[in-house]
Structures are given as structure tokens and as C-alpha cells.
């Protein structure tokens, strides 16, 4: 079961968050031979999405990072969105590890 966590993103600013993936006993999940991906959508049924840049930063410790560039966040309208992050094993098994709402707060400074 995925962890539920809300994210707060400043419009027009770079965003980064590190996530530790654990097993059911609370131990770090070894993410060797896994891939990770995640998306943000306005609603669960939205056809358009914003992809996180998602990477495994320490496979043995179960550490992943999700990121958005300032260009991506600047293009997002202020408001609420939904997101999730999934890992995929080398055998093709997908597991949702994180999900929740995203609150994009409006920015004033423009490029």
C-alpha cells in the first residue's frame, strides 16, 4: 500500500523531494534493477500530465528522488492536483509507493 503524502510546490521554482521506500517491516527496500516514475494530473481522470524526473539515488537504501524544473512548475496553474510515484521491478511488477495531493502556490516573479 502506498504512503499518502501531500506536496507543496511553489509556482516557478525548482522542486525536489527524496523518498525512502521500505518494505512491510519498515526496512529499506533494495531497489537494484527497479525503475521509478511519477506523474501529476489536475484530476485522476485528466488526460494530460506532468512527469516528474524520477531517479533511484541509492538503490541499497531504497532512496528515490522526484524533481520538477522551474519551467515545469511555472507552466502549472496555481491550485490542487493529484500525483503518484510507482516503482517497477525488472520482472515488470509495478508498485505504487507514494500518492497524494499537490498544492501549487502562485508565484509573483516571472522570467
PDB file of N, CA and C in Angstrom:
ATOM      1  N   UNK A   1       0.835  -1.179   0.000  1.00  0.00           N
ATOM      2  CA  UNK A   1       0.000   0.000   0.000  1.00  0.00           C
ATOM      3  C   UNK A   1       0.881   1.245   0.000  1.00  0.00           C
ATOM      4  N   UNK A   2       0.501   2.217  -0.787  1.00  0.00           N
ATOM      5  CA  UNK A   2       1.278   3.438  -0.935  1.00  0.00           C
ATOM      6  C   UNK A   2       1.141   4.335   0.293  1.00  0.00           C
ATOM      7  N   UNK A   3       2.191   5.068   0.564  1.00  0.00           N
ATOM      8  CA  UNK A   3       2.169   6.107   1.596  1.00  0.00           C
ATOM      9  C   UNK A   3       1.442   7.313   1.013  1.00  0.00           C
ATOM     10  N   UNK A   4       0.591   7.932   1.799  1.00  0.00           N
ATOM     11  CA  UNK A   4      -0.128   9.131   1.366  1.00  0.00           C
ATOM     12  C   UNK A   4       0.590  10.350   1.937  1.00  0.00           C
ATOM     13  N   UNK A   5       0.991  11.261   1.062  1.00  0.00           N
ATOM     14  CA  UNK A   5       1.701  12.464   1.495  1.00  0.00           C
ATOM     15  C   UNK A   5       1.384  13.605   0.542  1.00  0.00           C
ATOM     16  N   UNK A   6       0.985  14.737   1.087  1.00  0.00           N
ATOM     17  CA  UNK A   6       0.720  15.913   0.257  1.00  0.00           C
ATOM     18  C   UNK A   6       2.016  16.660  -0.010  1.00  0.00           C
ATOM     19  N   UNK A   7       2.112  17.221  -1.213  1.00  0.00           N
ATOM     20  CA  UNK A   7       3.278  18.008  -1.611  1.00  0.00           C
ATOM     21  C   UNK A   7       2.870  19.454  -1.807  1.00  0.00           C
ATOM     22  N   UNK A   8       3.779  20.352  -1.502  1.00  0.00           N
ATOM     23  CA  UNK A   8       3.563  21.786  -1.707  1.00  0.00           C
ATOM     24  C   UNK A   8       4.661  22.288  -2.621  1.00  0.00           C
ATOM     25  N   UNK A   9       4.249  22.856  -3.764  1.00  0.00           N
ATOM     26  CA  UNK A   9       5.186  23.289  -4.794  1.00  0.00           C
ATOM     27  C   UNK A   9       4.960  24.763  -5.072  1.00  0.00           C
ATOM     28  N   UNK A  10       6.049  25.532  -5.089  1.00  0.00           N
ATOM     29  CA  UNK A  10       5.973  26.948  -5.427  1.00  0.00           C
ATOM     30  C   UNK A  10       6.029  27.104  -6.943  1.00  0.00           C
ATOM     31  N   UNK A  11       5.026  27.750  -7.501  1.00  0.00           N
ATOM     32  CA  UNK A  11       4.974  28.003  -8.935  1.00  0.00           C
ATOM     33  C   UNK A  11       6.232  28.771  -9.356  1.00  0.00           C
ATOM     34  N   UNK A  12       6.884  28.323 -10.418  1.00  0.00           N
ATOM     35  CA  UNK A  12       8.062  28.991 -10.961  1.00  0.00           C
ATOM     36  C   UNK A  12       9.366  28.638 -10.266  1.00  0.00           C
ATOM     37  N   UNK A  13       9.336  27.760  -9.265  1.00  0.00           N
ATOM     38  CA  UNK A  13      10.549  27.354  -8.543  1.00  0.00           C
ATOM     39  C   UNK A  13      10.850  25.879  -8.825  1.00  0.00           C
ATOM     40  N   UNK A  14      12.115  25.536  -8.756  1.00  0.00           N
ATOM     41  CA  UNK A  14      12.500  24.130  -8.873  1.00  0.00           C
ATOM     42  C   UNK A  14      11.992  23.374  -7.656  1.00  0.00           C
ATOM     43  N   UNK A  15      11.636  22.106  -7.862  1.00  0.00           N
ATOM     44  CA  UNK A  15      11.115  21.269  -6.780  1.00  0.00           C
ATOM     45  C   UNK A  15      11.877  19.951  -6.760  1.00  0.00           C
ATOM     46  N   UNK A  16      12.183  19.482  -5.556  1.00  0.00           N
ATOM     47  CA  UNK A  16      12.849  18.198  -5.393  1.00  0.00           C
ATOM     48  C   UNK A  16      12.419  17.592  -4.059  1.00  0.00           C
ATOM     49  N   UNK A  17      12.195  16.285  -4.038  1.00  0.00           N
ATOM     50  CA  UNK A  17      11.875  15.578  -2.798  1.00  0.00           C
ATOM     51  C   UNK A  17      12.517  14.197  -2.839  1.00  0.00           C
ATOM     52  N   UNK A  18      13.112  13.805  -1.724  1.00  0.00           N
ATOM     53  CA  UNK A  18      13.696  12.480  -1.591  1.00  0.00           C
ATOM     54  C   UNK A  18      12.728  11.598  -0.810  1.00  0.00           C
ATOM     55  N   UNK A  19      12.635  10.334  -1.235  1.00  0.00           N
ATOM     56  CA  UNK A  19      11.692   9.392  -0.659  1.00  0.00           C
ATOM     57  C   UNK A  19      12.438   8.110  -0.324  1.00  0.00           C
ATOM     58  N   UNK A  20      12.220   7.588   0.882  1.00  0.00           N
ATOM     59  CA  UNK A  20      12.797   6.301   1.251  1.00  0.00           C
ATOM     60  C   UNK A  20      11.705   5.248   1.139  1.00  0.00           C
ATOM     61  N   UNK A  21      11.927   4.250   0.305  1.00  0.00           N
ATOM     62  CA  UNK A  21      10.964   3.167   0.095  1.00  0.00           C
ATOM     63  C   UNK A  21      11.324   2.028   1.042  1.00  0.00           C
ATOM     64  N   UNK A  22      10.328   1.576   1.802  1.00  0.00           N
ATOM     65  CA  UNK A  22      10.557   0.499   2.769  1.00  0.00           C
ATOM     66  C   UNK A  22       9.608  -0.668   2.499  1.00  0.00           C
ATOM     67  N   UNK A  23       9.976  -1.813   3.042  1.00  0.00           N
ATOM     68  CA  UNK A  23       9.101  -2.986   2.936  1.00  0.00           C
ATOM     69  C   UNK A  23       8.084  -2.966   4.074  1.00  0.00           C
ATOM     70  N   UNK A  24       7.270  -4.006   4.170  1.00  0.00           N
ATOM     71  CA  UNK A  24       6.203  -4.040   5.176  1.00  0.00           C
ATOM     72  C   UNK A  24       6.731  -4.080   6.610  1.00  0.00           C
ATOM     73  N   UNK A  25       7.998  -4.440   6.787  1.00  0.00           N
ATOM     74  CA  UNK A  25       8.611  -4.455   8.122  1.00  0.00           C
ATOM     75  C   UNK A  25       9.312  -3.144   8.461  1.00  0.00           C
ATOM     76  N   UNK A  26       9.298  -2.193   7.516  1.00  0.00           N
ATOM     77  CA  UNK A  26       9.947  -0.908   7.754  1.00  0.00           C
ATOM     78  C   UNK A  26      11.416  -0.862   7.370  1.00  0.00           C
ATOM     79  N   UNK A  27      11.902  -1.927   6.755  1.00  0.00           N
ATOM     80  CA  UNK A  27      13.298  -1.960   6.302  1.00  0.00           C
ATOM     81  C   UNK A  27      13.405  -1.370   4.900  1.00  0.00           C
ATOM     82  N   UNK A  28      14.551  -0.754   4.610  1.00  0.00           N
ATOM     83  CA  UNK A  28      14.772  -0.184   3.285  1.00  0.00           C
ATOM     84  C   UNK A  28      14.627  -1.275   2.225  1.00  0.00           C
ATOM     85  N   UNK A  29      13.875  -0.962   1.173  1.00  0.00           N
ATOM     86  CA  UNK A  29      13.688  -1.900   0.067  1.00  0.00           C
ATOM     87  C   UNK A  29      14.836  -1.726  -0.919  1.00  0.00           C
ATOM     88  N   UNK A  30      15.525  -2.802  -1.246  1.00  0.00           N
ATOM     89  CA  UNK A  30      16.621  -2.728  -2.210  1.00  0.00           C
ATOM     90  C   UNK A  30      16.022  -2.525  -3.606  1.00  0.00           C
ATOM     91  N   UNK A  31      16.341  -1.392  -4.205  1.00  0.00           N
ATOM     92  CA  UNK A  31      15.762  -1.029  -5.498  1.00  0.00           C
ATOM     93  C   UNK A  31      16.681  -1.324  -6.683  1.00  0.00           C
ATOM     94  N   UNK A  32      17.665  -2.198  -6.469  1.00  0.00           N
ATOM     95  CA  UNK A  32      18.508  -2.609  -7.591  1.00  0.00           C
ATOM     96  C   UNK A  32      17.615  -3.262  -8.641  1.00  0.00           C
ATOM     97  N   UNK A  33      17.824  -2.930  -9.887  1.00  0.00           N
ATOM     98  CA  UNK A  33      17.058  -3.448 -11.023  1.00  0.00           C
ATOM     99  C   UNK A  33      15.611  -2.963 -11.050  1.00  0.00           C
ATOM    100  N   UNK A  34      15.303  -1.860 -10.361  1.00  0.00           N
ATOM    101  CA  UNK A  34      13.991  -1.227 -10.410  1.00  0.00           C
ATOM    102  C   UNK A  34      14.091   0.061 -11.218  1.00  0.00           C
ATOM    103  N   UNK A  35      12.963   0.493 -11.734  1.00  0.00           N
ATOM    104  CA  UNK A  35      12.851   1.831 -12.308  1.00  0.00           C
ATOM    105  C   UNK A  35      11.781   2.570 -11.513  1.00  0.00           C
ATOM    106  N   UNK A  36      11.761   3.881 -11.650  1.00  0.00           N
ATOM    107  CA  UNK A  36      10.790   4.690 -10.919  1.00  0.00           C
ATOM    108  C   UNK A  36      10.218   5.747 -11.860  1.00  0.00           C
ATOM    109  N   UNK A  37       8.938   6.053 -11.675  1.00  0.00           N
ATOM    110  CA  UNK A  37       8.282   7.093 -12.462  1.00  0.00           C
ATOM    111  C   UNK A  37       7.158   7.690 -11.636  1.00  0.00           C
ATOM    112  N   UNK A  38       6.771   8.891 -11.998  1.00  0.00           N
ATOM    113  CA  UNK A  38       5.673   9.538 -11.301  1.00  0.00           C
ATOM    114  C   UNK A  38       5.059  10.635 -12.148  1.00  0.00           C
ATOM    115  N   UNK A  39       3.797  10.930 -11.891  1.00  0.00           N
ATOM    116  CA  UNK A  39       3.069  11.943 -12.654  1.00  0.00           C
ATOM    117  C   UNK A  39       2.177  12.775 -11.747  1.00  0.00           C
ATOM    118  N   UNK A  40       1.915  13.986 -12.227  1.00  0.00           N
ATOM    119  CA  UNK A  40       0.941  14.884 -11.607  1.00  0.00           C
ATOM    120  C   UNK A  40      -0.160  15.112 -12.625  1.00  0.00           C
ATOM    121  N   UNK A  41      -1.403  15.105 -12.161  1.00  0.00           N
ATOM    122  CA  UNK A  41      -2.550  15.416 -13.016  1.00  0.00           C
ATOM    123  C   UNK A  41      -3.486  16.345 -12.253  1.00  0.00           C
ATOM    124  N   UNK A  42      -4.263  17.117 -12.981  1.00  0.00           N
ATOM    125  CA  UNK A  42      -5.229  18.017 -12.345  1.00  0.00           C
ATOM    126  C   UNK A  42      -6.277  17.216 -11.572  1.00  0.00           C
ATOM    127  N   UNK A  43      -6.767  16.143 -12.181  1.00  0.00           N
ATOM    128  CA  UNK A  43      -7.684  15.210 -11.522  1.00  0.00           C
ATOM    129  C   UNK A  43      -7.247  13.796 -11.891  1.00  0.00           C
ATOM    130  N   UNK A  44      -7.791  12.815 -11.211  1.00  0.00           N
ATOM    131  CA  UNK A  44      -7.435  11.426 -11.512  1.00  0.00           C
ATOM    132  C   UNK A  44      -7.758  11.050 -12.953  1.00  0.00           C
ATOM    133  N   UNK A  45      -8.783  11.673 -13.546  1.00  0.00           N
ATOM    134  CA  UNK A  45      -9.198  11.310 -14.895  1.00  0.00           C
ATOM    135  C   UNK A  45      -8.649  12.241 -15.979  1.00  0.00           C
ATOM    136  N   UNK A  46      -7.813  13.206 -15.618  1.00  0.00           N
ATOM    137  CA  UNK A  46      -7.240  14.126 -16.610  1.00  0.00           C
ATOM    138  C   UNK A  46      -6.420  13.368 -17.646  1.00  0.00           C
ATOM    139  N   UNK A  47      -6.525  13.797 -18.895  1.00  0.00           N
ATOM    140  CA  UNK A  47      -5.764  13.164 -19.971  1.00  0.00           C
ATOM    141  C   UNK A  47      -4.335  13.684 -20.047  1.00  0.00           C
ATOM    142  N   UNK A  48      -4.102  14.903 -19.583  1.00  0.00           N
ATOM    143  CA  UNK A  48      -2.760  15.475 -19.627  1.00  0.00           C
ATOM    144  C   UNK A  48      -2.078  15.305 -18.270  1.00  0.00           C
ATOM    145  N   UNK A  49      -0.756  15.205 -18.320  1.00  0.00           N
ATOM    146  CA  UNK A  49       0.004  15.004 -17.088  1.00  0.00           C
ATOM    147  C   UNK A  49       1.328  15.746 -17.158  1.00  0.00           C
ATOM    148  N   UNK A  50       1.929  15.907 -16.013  1.00  0.00           N
ATOM    149  CA  UNK A  50       3.277  16.446 -15.889  1.00  0.00           C
ATOM    150  C   UNK A  50       4.108  15.327 -15.290  1.00  0.00           C
ATOM    151  N   UNK A  51       5.186  14.965 -15.965  1.00  0.00           N
ATOM    152  CA  UNK A  51       6.038  13.875 -15.484  1.00  0.00           C
ATOM    153  C   UNK A  51       7.108  14.404 -14.545  1.00  0.00           C
ATOM    154  N   UNK A  52       7.243  13.761 -13.390  1.00  0.00           N
ATOM    155  CA  UNK A  52       8.391  14.023 -12.541  1.00  0.00           C
ATOM    156  C   UNK A  52       9.636  13.478 -13.231  1.00  0.00           C
ATOM    157  N   UNK A  53      10.772  14.111 -13.036  1.00  0.00           N
ATOM    158  CA  UNK A  53      12.039  13.453 -13.289  1.00  0.00           C
ATOM    159  C   UNK A  53      12.266  12.612 -12.050  1.00  0.00           C
ATOM    160  N   UNK A  54      12.246  11.303 -12.206  1.00  0.00           N
ATOM    161  CA  UNK A  54      12.314  10.390 -11.071  1.00  0.00           C
ATOM    162  C   UNK A  54      13.529   9.486 -11.228  1.00  0.00           C
ATOM    163  N   UNK A  55      14.289   9.360 -10.151  1.00  0.00           N
ATOM    164  CA  UNK A  55      15.501   8.550 -10.224  1.00  0.00           C
ATOM    165  C   UNK A  55      15.743   7.836  -8.900  1.00  0.00           C
ATOM    166  N   UNK A  56      16.463   6.732  -9.007  1.00  0.00           N
ATOM    167  CA  UNK A  56      16.901   5.999  -7.820  1.00  0.00           C
ATOM    168  C   UNK A  56      18.263   6.574  -7.464  1.00  0.00           C
ATOM    169  N   UNK A  57      18.380   7.148  -6.272  1.00  0.00           N
ATOM    170  CA  UNK A  57      19.639   7.797  -5.897  1.00  0.00           C
ATOM    171  C   UNK A  57      20.520   6.908  -5.024  1.00  0.00           C
ATOM    172  N   UNK A  58      19.940   5.906  -4.360  1.00  0.00           N
ATOM    173  CA  UNK A  58      20.702   4.917  -3.603  1.00  0.00           C
ATOM    174  C   UNK A  58      19.862   3.646  -3.550  1.00  0.00           C
ATOM    175  N   UNK A  59      20.141   2.728  -4.462  1.00  0.00           N
ATOM    176  CA  UNK A  59      19.319   1.519  -4.595  1.00  0.00           C
ATOM    177  C   UNK A  59      19.318   0.681  -3.320  1.00  0.00           C
ATOM    178  N   UNK A  60      20.478   0.489  -2.695  1.00  0.00           N
ATOM    179  CA  UNK A  60      20.557  -0.357  -1.497  1.00  0.00           C
ATOM    180  C   UNK A  60      19.765   0.219  -0.333  1.00  0.00           C
ATOM    181  N   UNK A  61      19.682   1.555  -0.250  1.00  0.00           N
ATOM    182  CA  UNK A  61      18.971   2.207   0.855  1.00  0.00           C
ATOM    183  C   UNK A  61      17.514   2.490   0.520  1.00  0.00           C
ATOM    184  N   UNK A  62      17.085   2.155  -0.701  1.00  0.00           N
ATOM    185  CA  UNK A  62      15.699   2.385  -1.106  1.00  0.00           C
ATOM    186  C   UNK A  62      15.361   3.849  -1.336  1.00  0.00           C
ATOM    187  N   UNK A  63      16.359   4.654  -1.692  1.00  0.00           N
ATOM    188  CA  UNK A  63      16.161   6.101  -1.845  1.00  0.00           C
ATOM    189  C   UNK A  63      15.899   6.501  -3.289  1.00  0.00           C
ATOM    190  N   UNK A  64      14.795   7.231  -3.477  1.00  0.00           N
ATOM    191  CA  UNK A  64      14.473   7.767  -4.793  1.00  0.00           C
ATOM    192  C   UNK A  64      14.286   9.278  -4.671  1.00  0.00           C
ATOM    193  N   UNK A  65      14.382   9.970  -5.798  1.00  0.00           N
ATOM    194  CA  UNK A  65      14.192  11.421  -5.840  1.00  0.00           C
ATOM    195  C   UNK A  65      13.213  11.753  -6.969  1.00  0.00           C
ATOM    196  N   UNK A  66      12.287  12.658  -6.668  1.00  0.00           N
ATOM    197  CA  UNK A  66      11.397  13.196  -7.696  1.00  0.00           C
ATOM    198  C   UNK A  66      11.690  14.680  -7.824  1.00  0.00           C
ATOM    199  N   UNK A  67      11.654  15.173  -9.065  1.00  0.00           N
ATOM    200  CA  UNK A  67      12.007  16.564  -9.320  1.00  0.00           C
ATOM    201  C   UNK A  67      11.134  17.155 -10.411  1.00  0.00           C
ATOM    202  N   UNK A  68      10.947  18.466 -10.321  1.00  0.00           N
ATOM    203  CA  UNK A  68      10.330  19.262 -11.376  1.00  0.00           C
ATOM    204  C   UNK A  68      11.221  20.480 -11.600  1.00  0.00           C
ATOM    205  N   UNK A  69      11.369  20.880 -12.840  1.00  0.00           N
ATOM    206  CA  UNK A  69      12.156  22.080 -13.132  1.00  0.00           C
ATOM    207  C   UNK A  69      11.311  23.325 -12.897  1.00  0.00           C
ATOM    208  N   UNK A  70      11.974  24.463 -12.804  1.00  0.00           N
ATOM    209  CA  UNK A  70      11.229  25.723 -12.649  1.00  0.00           C
ATOM    210  C   UNK A  70      10.359  25.998 -13.868  1.00  0.00           C
ATOM    211  N   UNK A  71      10.764  25.509 -15.027  1.00  0.00           N
ATOM    212  CA  UNK A  71       9.965  25.676 -16.244  1.00  0.00           C
ATOM    213  C   UNK A  71       8.657  24.890 -16.109  1.00  0.00           C
ATOM    214  N   UNK A  72       8.752  23.652 -15.594  1.00  0.00           N
ATOM    215  CA  UNK A  72       7.550  22.840 -15.409  1.00  0.00           C
ATOM    216  C   UNK A  72       6.600  23.469 -14.398  1.00  0.00           C
ATOM    217  N   UNK A  73       7.113  23.911 -13.251  1.00  0.00           N
ATOM    218  CA  UNK A  73       6.224  24.465 -12.228  1.00  0.00           C
ATOM    219  C   UNK A  73       5.662  25.821 -12.655  1.00  0.00           C
ATOM    220  N   UNK A  74       6.420  26.562 -13.454  1.00  0.00           N
ATOM    221  CA  UNK A  74       5.923  27.848 -13.940  1.00  0.00           C
ATOM    222  C   UNK A  74       4.735  27.657 -14.880  1.00  0.00           C
ATOM    223  N   UNK A  75       4.707  26.540 -15.591  1.00  0.00           N
ATOM    224  CA  UNK A  75       3.626  26.262 -16.539  1.00  0.00           C
ATOM    225  C   UNK A  75       2.367  25.730 -15.847  1.00  0.00           C
ATOM    226  N   UNK A  76       2.470  25.395 -14.578  1.00  0.00           N
ATOM    227  CA  UNK A  76       1.321  24.864 -13.841  1.00  0.00           C
ATOM    228  C   UNK A  76       0.501  26.013 -13.264  1.00  0.00           C
ATOM    229  N   UNK A  77      -0.803  25.925 -13.396  1.00  0.00           N
ATOM    230  CA  UNK A  77      -1.681  26.906 -12.767  1.00  0.00           C
ATOM    231  C   UNK A  77      -1.714  26.629 -11.272  1.00  0.00           C
ATOM    232  N   UNK A  78      -1.820  27.696 -10.499  1.00  0.00           N
ATOM    233  CA  UNK A  78      -1.929  27.529  -9.052  1.00  0.00           C
ATOM    234  C   UNK A  78      -3.187  26.726  -8.729  1.00  0.00           C
ATOM    235  N   UNK A  79      -3.108  25.891  -7.707  1.00  0.00           N
ATOM    236  CA  UNK A  79      -4.263  25.096  -7.308  1.00  0.00           C
ATOM    237  C   UNK A  79      -3.872  23.694  -6.906  1.00  0.00           C
ATOM    238  N   UNK A  80      -4.871  22.824  -6.829  1.00  0.00           N
ATOM    239  CA  UNK A  80      -4.671  21.441  -6.375  1.00  0.00           C
ATOM    240  C   UNK A  80      -4.588  20.476  -7.542  1.00  0.00           C
ATOM    241  N   UNK A  81      -3.732  19.502  -7.361  1.00  0.00           N
ATOM    242  CA  UNK A  81      -3.512  18.423  -8.321  1.00  0.00           C
ATOM    243  C   UNK A  81      -3.428  17.117  -7.528  1.00  0.00           C
ATOM    244  N   UNK A  82      -3.334  16.002  -8.230  1.00  0.00           N
ATOM    245  CA  UNK A  82      -3.071  14.707  -7.619  1.00  0.00           C
ATOM    246  C   UNK A  82      -1.806  14.132  -8.254  1.00  0.00           C
ATOM    247  N   UNK A  83      -1.148  13.248  -7.522  1.00  0.00           N
ATOM    248  CA  UNK A  83       0.081  12.652  -8.050  1.00  0.00           C
ATOM    249  C   UNK A  83       0.255  11.248  -7.491  1.00  0.00           C
ATOM    250  N   UNK A  84       1.135  10.501  -8.130  1.00  0.00           N
ATOM    251  CA  UNK A  84       1.621   9.265  -7.546  1.00  0.00           C
ATOM    252  C   UNK A  84       2.997   8.951  -8.086  1.00  0.00           C
ATOM    253  N   UNK A  85       3.683   8.049  -7.384  1.00  0.00           N
ATOM    254  CA  UNK A  85       5.020   7.588  -7.760  1.00  0.00           C
ATOM    255  C   UNK A  85       4.990   6.069  -7.712  1.00  0.00           C
ATOM    256  N   UNK A  86       5.490   5.430  -8.773  1.00  0.00           N
ATOM    257  CA  UNK A  86       5.491   3.976  -8.864  1.00  0.00           C
ATOM    258  C   UNK A  86       6.893   3.462  -9.137  1.00  0.00           C
ATOM    259  N   UNK A  87       7.187   2.293  -8.590  1.00  0.00           N
ATOM    260  CA  UNK A  87       8.418   1.585  -8.929  1.00  0.00           C
ATOM    261  C   UNK A  87       8.043   0.357  -9.745  1.00  0.00           C
ATOM    262  N   UNK A  88       8.956  -0.053 -10.628  1.00  0.00           N
ATOM    263  CA  UNK A  88       8.729  -1.238 -11.461  1.00  0.00           C
ATOM    264  C   UNK A  88       9.939  -2.145 -11.328  1.00  0.00           C
ATOM    265  N   UNK A  89       9.698  -3.418 -10.982  1.00  0.00           N
ATOM    266  CA  UNK A  89      10.787  -4.385 -10.858  1.00  0.00           C
ATOM    267  C   UNK A  89      11.249  -4.823 -12.241  1.00  0.00           C
ATOM    268  N   UNK A  90      12.389  -5.500 -12.284  1.00  0.00           N
ATOM    269  CA  UNK A  90      12.899  -5.989 -13.564  1.00  0.00           C
ATOM    270  C   UNK A  90      12.011  -7.077 -14.161  1.00  0.00           C
ATOM    271  N   UNK A  91      11.073  -7.615 -13.374  1.00  0.00           N
ATOM    272  CA  UNK A  91      10.119  -8.603 -13.897  1.00  0.00           C
ATOM    273  C   UNK A  91       8.804  -7.949 -14.329  1.00  0.00           C
ATOM    274  N   UNK A  92       8.722  -6.619 -14.213  1.00  0.00           N
ATOM    275  CA  UNK A  92       7.549  -5.901 -14.687  1.00  0.00           C
ATOM    276  C   UNK A  92       6.469  -5.651 -13.647  1.00  0.00           C
ATOM    277  N   UNK A  93       6.731  -5.986 -12.396  1.00  0.00           N
ATOM    278  CA  UNK A  93       5.738  -5.754 -11.349  1.00  0.00           C
ATOM    279  C   UNK A  93       5.798  -4.296 -10.912  1.00  0.00           C
ATOM    280  N   UNK A  94       4.645  -3.603 -11.038  1.00  0.00           N
ATOM    281  CA  UNK A  94       4.539  -2.196 -10.647  1.00  0.00           C
ATOM    282  C   UNK A  94       3.950  -2.098  -9.251  1.00  0.00           C
ATOM    283  N   UNK A  95       4.513  -1.173  -8.465  1.00  0.00           N
ATOM    284  CA  UNK A  95       4.025  -0.925  -7.117  1.00  0.00           C
ATOM    285  C   UNK A  95       3.948   0.577  -6.896  1.00  0.00           C
ATOM    286  N   UNK A  96       2.798   1.053  -6.472  1.00  0.00           N
ATOM    287  CA  UNK A  96       2.663   2.460  -6.124  1.00  0.00           C
ATOM    288  C   UNK A  96       3.239   2.636  -4.725  1.00  0.00           C
ATOM    289  N   UNK A  97       4.217   3.530  -4.586  1.00  0.00           N
ATOM    290  CA  UNK A  97       4.874   3.718  -3.296  1.00  0.00           C
ATOM    291  C   UNK A  97       4.488   5.029  -2.617  1.00  0.00           C
ATOM    292  N   UNK A  98       3.969   5.989  -3.386  1.00  0.00           N
ATOM    293  CA  UNK A  98       3.624   7.285  -2.825  1.00  0.00           C
ATOM    294  C   UNK A  98       2.498   7.891  -3.636  1.00  0.00           C
ATOM    295  N   UNK A  99       1.567   8.571  -2.960  1.00  0.00           N
ATOM    296  CA  UNK A  99       0.472   9.241  -3.643  1.00  0.00           C
ATOM    297  C   UNK A  99      -0.057  10.354  -2.751  1.00  0.00           C
ATOM    298  N   UNK A 100      -0.802  11.261  -3.366  1.00  0.00           N
ATOM    299  CA  UNK A 100      -1.415  12.323  -2.584  1.00  0.00           C
ATOM    300  C   UNK A 100      -1.834  13.495  -3.441  1.00  0.00           C
ATOM    301  N   UNK A 101      -2.005  14.627  -2.783  1.00  0.00           N
ATOM    302  CA  UNK A 101      -2.366  15.858  -3.472  1.00  0.00           C
ATOM    303  C   UNK A 101      -1.144  16.766  -3.571  1.00  0.00           C
ATOM    304  N   UNK A 102      -1.155  17.599  -4.591  1.00  0.00           N
ATOM    305  CA  UNK A 102      -0.132  18.622  -4.781  1.00  0.00           C
ATOM    306  C   UNK A 102      -0.833  19.964  -4.711  1.00  0.00           C
ATOM    307  N   UNK A 103      -0.295  20.857  -3.903  1.00  0.00           N
ATOM    308  CA  UNK A 103      -0.791  22.228  -3.846  1.00  0.00           C
ATOM    309  C   UNK A 103       0.273  23.112  -4.481  1.00  0.00           C
ATOM    310  N   UNK A 104      -0.081  23.724  -5.624  1.00  0.00           N
ATOM    311  CA  UNK A 104       0.828  24.655  -6.293  1.00  0.00           C
ATOM    312  C   UNK A 104       0.452  26.055  -5.837  1.00  0.00           C
ATOM    313  N   UNK A 105       1.384  26.713  -5.158  1.00  0.00           N
ATOM    314  CA  UNK A 105       1.131  28.064  -4.666  1.00  0.00           C
ATOM    315  C   UNK A 105       1.588  29.067  -5.713  1.00  0.00           C
ATOM    316  N   UNK A 106       0.800  30.117  -5.954  1.00  0.00           N
ATOM    317  CA  UNK A 106       1.121  31.056  -7.027  1.00  0.00           C
ATOM    318  C   UNK A 106       2.397  31.839  -6.743  1.00  0.00           C
ATOM    319  N   UNK A 107       3.104  32.144  -7.829  1.00  0.00           N
ATOM    320  CA  UNK A 107       4.320  32.938  -7.740  1.00  0.00           C
ATOM    321  C   UNK A 107       4.101  34.329  -8.332  1.00  0.00           C
ATOM    322  N   UNK A 108       4.968  35.239  -7.959  1.00  0.00           N
ATOM    323  CA  UNK A 108       4.906  36.609  -8.454  1.00  0.00           C
ATOM    324  C   UNK A 108       6.006  36.869  -9.477  1.00  0.00           C
ATOM    325  N   UNK A 109       7.220  36.411  -9.189  1.00  0.00           N
ATOM    326  CA  UNK A 109       8.364  36.660 -10.065  1.00  0.00           C
ATOM    327  C   UNK A 109       8.227  35.855 -11.346  1.00  0.00           C
ATOM    328  N   UNK A 110       8.422  36.495 -12.473  1.00  0.00           N
ATOM    329  CA  UNK A 110       8.320  35.847 -13.785  1.00  0.00           C
ATOM    330  C   UNK A 110       9.651  35.938 -14.525  1.00  0.00           C
ATOM    331  N   UNK A 111       9.908  34.967 -15.397  1.00  0.00           N
ATOM    332  CA  UNK A 111      11.103  35.007 -16.254  1.00  0.00           C
ATOM    333  C   UNK A 111      10.956  36.070 -17.307  1.00  0.00           C
TER     334      UNK A 111
END
